[in-house]
């Protein structure tokens, strides 16, 4: 399904210009046990509804950014660069 995703630099573009990077998760501490790293790397919640995700604008500015999107209808609520305006 196609939808528009607004790059913080380039503006709204077709989602096919981007690469999905997965849901935003907190990275475990370097000394965390193996189970924490396995969960971080491989286990995903994939809930229906609003979620925060990483995206890479591969056919545009070539920058990673974050987006909040409703997965039930692919409505993009907001996009930002990590660390901006209080975002994680």
N, C-alpha and C. Protein backbone atom coordinates (compact mmCIF):
# COMPACT_ATOMS: atom_id res chain seq x y z
N UNK A 1 0.84 -1.18 0.00
CA UNK A 1 0.00 0.00 0.00
C UNK A 1 0.89 1.24 0.00
N UNK A 2 0.60 2.14 -0.87
CA UNK A 2 1.37 3.37 -0.97
C UNK A 2 0.77 4.47 -0.08
N UNK A 3 1.63 5.30 0.45
CA UNK A 3 1.19 6.46 1.22
C UNK A 3 2.31 7.50 1.18
N UNK A 4 1.99 8.71 1.59
CA UNK A 4 2.99 9.78 1.63
C UNK A 4 3.65 9.81 3.00
N UNK A 5 4.96 10.01 2.96
CA UNK A 5 5.74 10.15 4.18
C UNK A 5 6.50 11.47 4.07
N UNK A 6 6.38 12.32 5.08
CA UNK A 6 7.00 13.65 5.01
C UNK A 6 8.41 13.61 5.59
N UNK A 7 9.41 13.68 4.73
CA UNK A 7 10.79 13.79 5.17
C UNK A 7 10.96 15.16 5.83
N UNK A 8 11.64 15.24 6.98
CA UNK A 8 11.83 16.54 7.63
C UNK A 8 12.58 17.56 6.76
N UNK A 9 13.36 17.10 5.78
CA UNK A 9 14.10 18.01 4.91
C UNK A 9 13.39 18.19 3.57
N UNK A 10 13.01 17.10 2.93
CA UNK A 10 12.50 17.12 1.55
C UNK A 10 11.00 17.30 1.44
N UNK A 11 10.27 17.12 2.53
CA UNK A 11 8.83 17.25 2.47
C UNK A 11 8.15 15.94 2.10
N UNK A 12 6.84 16.00 1.81
CA UNK A 12 6.08 14.79 1.51
C UNK A 12 6.56 14.11 0.23
N UNK A 13 6.78 12.80 0.34
CA UNK A 13 7.21 11.98 -0.79
C UNK A 13 6.52 10.63 -0.71
N UNK A 14 6.47 9.94 -1.83
CA UNK A 14 5.91 8.60 -1.87
C UNK A 14 6.75 7.67 -1.00
N UNK A 15 6.11 6.79 -0.28
CA UNK A 15 6.81 5.91 0.66
C UNK A 15 7.87 5.04 -0.04
N UNK A 16 7.74 4.82 -1.35
CA UNK A 16 8.70 3.99 -2.06
C UNK A 16 10.08 4.64 -2.19
N UNK A 17 10.19 5.93 -1.82
CA UNK A 17 11.50 6.60 -1.80
C UNK A 17 12.28 6.27 -0.53
N UNK A 18 11.64 5.61 0.42
CA UNK A 18 12.22 5.40 1.74
C UNK A 18 12.50 3.93 2.02
N UNK A 19 13.32 3.69 3.03
CA UNK A 19 13.56 2.35 3.55
C UNK A 19 13.07 2.33 4.99
N UNK A 20 12.23 1.36 5.30
CA UNK A 20 11.72 1.18 6.65
C UNK A 20 12.83 0.63 7.54
N UNK A 21 13.03 1.23 8.71
CA UNK A 21 14.10 0.81 9.60
C UNK A 21 13.64 0.11 10.86
N UNK A 22 12.34 -0.08 11.02
CA UNK A 22 11.82 -0.78 12.19
C UNK A 22 11.32 0.16 13.28
N UNK A 23 10.72 -0.45 14.27
CA UNK A 23 10.19 0.35 15.37
C UNK A 23 11.32 0.93 16.22
N UNK A 24 11.04 2.02 16.87
CA UNK A 24 12.03 2.67 17.73
C UNK A 24 12.08 1.92 19.06
N UNK A 25 13.25 1.42 19.39
CA UNK A 25 13.47 0.70 20.64
C UNK A 25 14.67 1.28 21.37
N UNK A 26 14.66 1.16 22.67
CA UNK A 26 15.82 1.59 23.46
C UNK A 26 16.89 0.50 23.35
N UNK A 27 18.10 0.92 23.03
CA UNK A 27 19.22 0.00 22.90
C UNK A 27 19.67 -0.46 24.28
N UNK A 28 19.91 -1.76 24.45
CA UNK A 28 20.40 -2.26 25.75
C UNK A 28 21.80 -1.70 26.06
N UNK A 29 22.14 -1.70 27.32
CA UNK A 29 23.49 -1.30 27.74
C UNK A 29 24.50 -2.30 27.18
N UNK A 30 25.73 -1.88 26.92
CA UNK A 30 26.73 -2.79 26.36
C UNK A 30 26.94 -4.06 27.19
N UNK A 31 26.76 -3.97 28.50
CA UNK A 31 26.97 -5.14 29.35
C UNK A 31 25.68 -5.92 29.63
N UNK A 32 24.61 -5.62 28.87
CA UNK A 32 23.35 -6.34 29.07
C UNK A 32 23.51 -7.81 28.70
N UNK A 33 22.66 -8.65 29.27
CA UNK A 33 22.78 -10.08 28.97
C UNK A 33 22.29 -10.39 27.56
N UNK A 34 22.58 -11.60 27.12
CA UNK A 34 22.30 -12.01 25.75
C UNK A 34 20.81 -11.95 25.42
N UNK A 35 19.94 -12.28 26.36
CA UNK A 35 18.50 -12.25 26.14
C UNK A 35 18.01 -10.85 25.80
N UNK A 36 18.56 -9.83 26.46
CA UNK A 36 18.19 -8.45 26.15
C UNK A 36 18.59 -8.08 24.73
N UNK A 37 19.77 -8.50 24.31
CA UNK A 37 20.24 -8.20 22.96
C UNK A 37 19.43 -8.95 21.90
N UNK A 38 19.07 -10.18 22.17
CA UNK A 38 18.24 -10.95 21.23
C UNK A 38 16.87 -10.28 21.08
N UNK A 39 16.28 -9.89 22.19
CA UNK A 39 14.98 -9.22 22.15
C UNK A 39 15.07 -7.90 21.38
N UNK A 40 16.13 -7.13 21.62
CA UNK A 40 16.32 -5.85 20.93
C UNK A 40 16.49 -6.05 19.42
N UNK A 41 17.25 -7.05 19.05
CA UNK A 41 17.58 -7.25 17.65
C UNK A 41 16.50 -7.96 16.85
N UNK A 42 15.79 -8.91 17.46
CA UNK A 42 14.92 -9.78 16.67
C UNK A 42 13.43 -9.75 17.03
N UNK A 43 13.07 -9.40 18.25
CA UNK A 43 11.67 -9.48 18.65
C UNK A 43 10.97 -8.14 18.45
N UNK A 44 9.83 -8.16 17.79
CA UNK A 44 9.07 -6.95 17.52
C UNK A 44 7.64 -7.12 18.00
N UNK A 45 7.07 -6.06 18.52
CA UNK A 45 5.69 -6.09 19.01
C UNK A 45 4.70 -6.04 17.84
N UNK A 46 4.96 -5.19 16.85
CA UNK A 46 4.12 -5.03 15.67
C UNK A 46 2.64 -4.83 16.00
N UNK A 47 2.31 -3.90 16.90
CA UNK A 47 0.91 -3.70 17.27
C UNK A 47 0.16 -2.93 16.18
N UNK A 48 -1.13 -3.16 16.10
CA UNK A 48 -1.98 -2.35 15.22
C UNK A 48 -2.23 -1.03 15.94
N UNK A 49 -2.13 0.07 15.22
CA UNK A 49 -2.35 1.39 15.81
C UNK A 49 -1.11 2.24 15.72
N UNK A 50 -1.03 3.24 16.57
CA UNK A 50 0.08 4.19 16.51
C UNK A 50 1.38 3.58 17.02
N UNK A 51 2.45 3.90 16.30
CA UNK A 51 3.77 3.45 16.70
C UNK A 51 4.83 4.39 16.17
N UNK A 52 6.01 4.33 16.76
CA UNK A 52 7.13 5.16 16.33
C UNK A 52 8.14 4.29 15.61
N UNK A 53 8.65 4.80 14.46
CA UNK A 53 9.48 4.00 13.57
C UNK A 53 10.66 4.80 13.03
N UNK A 54 11.69 4.07 12.60
CA UNK A 54 12.82 4.65 11.89
C UNK A 54 12.57 4.55 10.39
N UNK A 55 12.95 5.61 9.65
CA UNK A 55 12.86 5.62 8.19
C UNK A 55 14.14 6.24 7.62
N UNK A 56 14.55 5.77 6.45
CA UNK A 56 15.73 6.30 5.75
C UNK A 56 15.29 6.79 4.38
N UNK A 57 15.60 8.05 4.06
CA UNK A 57 15.21 8.62 2.77
C UNK A 57 16.27 8.27 1.72
N UNK A 58 16.16 7.09 1.16
CA UNK A 58 17.19 6.55 0.27
C UNK A 58 17.24 7.24 -1.10
N UNK A 59 16.12 7.79 -1.58
CA UNK A 59 16.13 8.45 -2.88
C UNK A 59 16.07 9.97 -2.76
N UNK A 60 16.36 10.48 -1.59
CA UNK A 60 16.33 11.92 -1.36
C UNK A 60 17.58 12.38 -0.64
N UNK A 61 17.41 12.91 0.55
CA UNK A 61 18.50 13.49 1.32
C UNK A 61 19.42 12.46 1.97
N UNK A 62 19.02 11.18 1.93
CA UNK A 62 19.82 10.07 2.48
C UNK A 62 20.07 10.23 3.98
N UNK A 63 19.05 10.67 4.70
CA UNK A 63 19.13 10.83 6.16
C UNK A 63 18.13 9.92 6.84
N UNK A 64 18.51 9.44 8.03
CA UNK A 64 17.60 8.68 8.88
C UNK A 64 16.76 9.67 9.68
N UNK A 65 15.50 9.34 9.88
CA UNK A 65 14.62 10.15 10.73
C UNK A 65 13.59 9.22 11.36
N UNK A 66 12.80 9.78 12.24
CA UNK A 66 11.78 9.01 12.94
C UNK A 66 10.40 9.51 12.56
N UNK A 67 9.43 8.61 12.64
CA UNK A 67 8.05 8.98 12.31
C UNK A 67 7.10 8.30 13.28
N UNK A 68 6.01 8.97 13.53
CA UNK A 68 4.90 8.34 14.25
C UNK A 68 3.83 8.06 13.22
N UNK A 69 3.39 6.80 13.14
CA UNK A 69 2.46 6.38 12.09
C UNK A 69 1.43 5.44 12.68
N UNK A 70 0.20 5.56 12.18
CA UNK A 70 -0.86 4.64 12.56
C UNK A 70 -0.85 3.50 11.54
N UNK A 71 -0.53 2.30 11.98
CA UNK A 71 -0.38 1.17 11.06
C UNK A 71 -1.71 0.63 10.54
N UNK A 72 -2.82 1.03 11.14
CA UNK A 72 -4.11 0.54 10.65
C UNK A 72 -4.53 1.22 9.36
N UNK A 73 -4.12 2.46 9.16
CA UNK A 73 -4.48 3.18 7.93
C UNK A 73 -3.29 3.88 7.27
N UNK A 74 -2.08 3.64 7.77
CA UNK A 74 -0.83 4.24 7.28
C UNK A 74 -0.82 5.76 7.34
N UNK A 75 -1.60 6.33 8.24
CA UNK A 75 -1.60 7.79 8.43
C UNK A 75 -0.34 8.19 9.18
N UNK A 76 0.44 9.09 8.59
CA UNK A 76 1.66 9.59 9.23
C UNK A 76 1.27 10.80 10.08
N UNK A 77 1.54 10.71 11.37
CA UNK A 77 1.14 11.75 12.31
C UNK A 77 2.20 12.82 12.42
N UNK A 78 3.48 12.42 12.46
CA UNK A 78 4.56 13.38 12.61
C UNK A 78 5.87 12.73 12.18
N UNK A 79 6.82 13.56 11.74
CA UNK A 79 8.17 13.10 11.44
C UNK A 79 9.17 14.08 12.06
N UNK A 80 10.36 13.57 12.44
CA UNK A 80 11.36 14.41 13.09
C UNK A 80 12.71 13.70 13.05
N UNK A 81 13.76 14.46 13.31
CA UNK A 81 15.09 13.87 13.49
C UNK A 81 15.24 13.50 14.96
N UNK A 82 15.93 12.40 15.23
CA UNK A 82 16.11 11.93 16.61
C UNK A 82 16.73 13.03 17.45
N UNK A 83 16.16 13.24 18.64
CA UNK A 83 16.68 14.24 19.57
C UNK A 83 16.07 15.62 19.40
N UNK A 84 15.26 15.83 18.38
CA UNK A 84 14.64 17.15 18.17
C UNK A 84 13.38 17.30 18.99
N UNK A 85 13.15 18.48 19.51
CA UNK A 85 11.90 18.85 20.18
C UNK A 85 11.43 17.84 21.21
N UNK A 86 12.36 17.31 21.98
CA UNK A 86 11.99 16.39 23.03
C UNK A 86 11.69 14.97 22.58
N UNK A 87 11.82 14.69 21.28
CA UNK A 87 11.62 13.32 20.81
C UNK A 87 12.81 12.46 21.17
N UNK A 88 12.59 11.18 21.25
CA UNK A 88 13.66 10.23 21.58
C UNK A 88 14.49 9.96 20.34
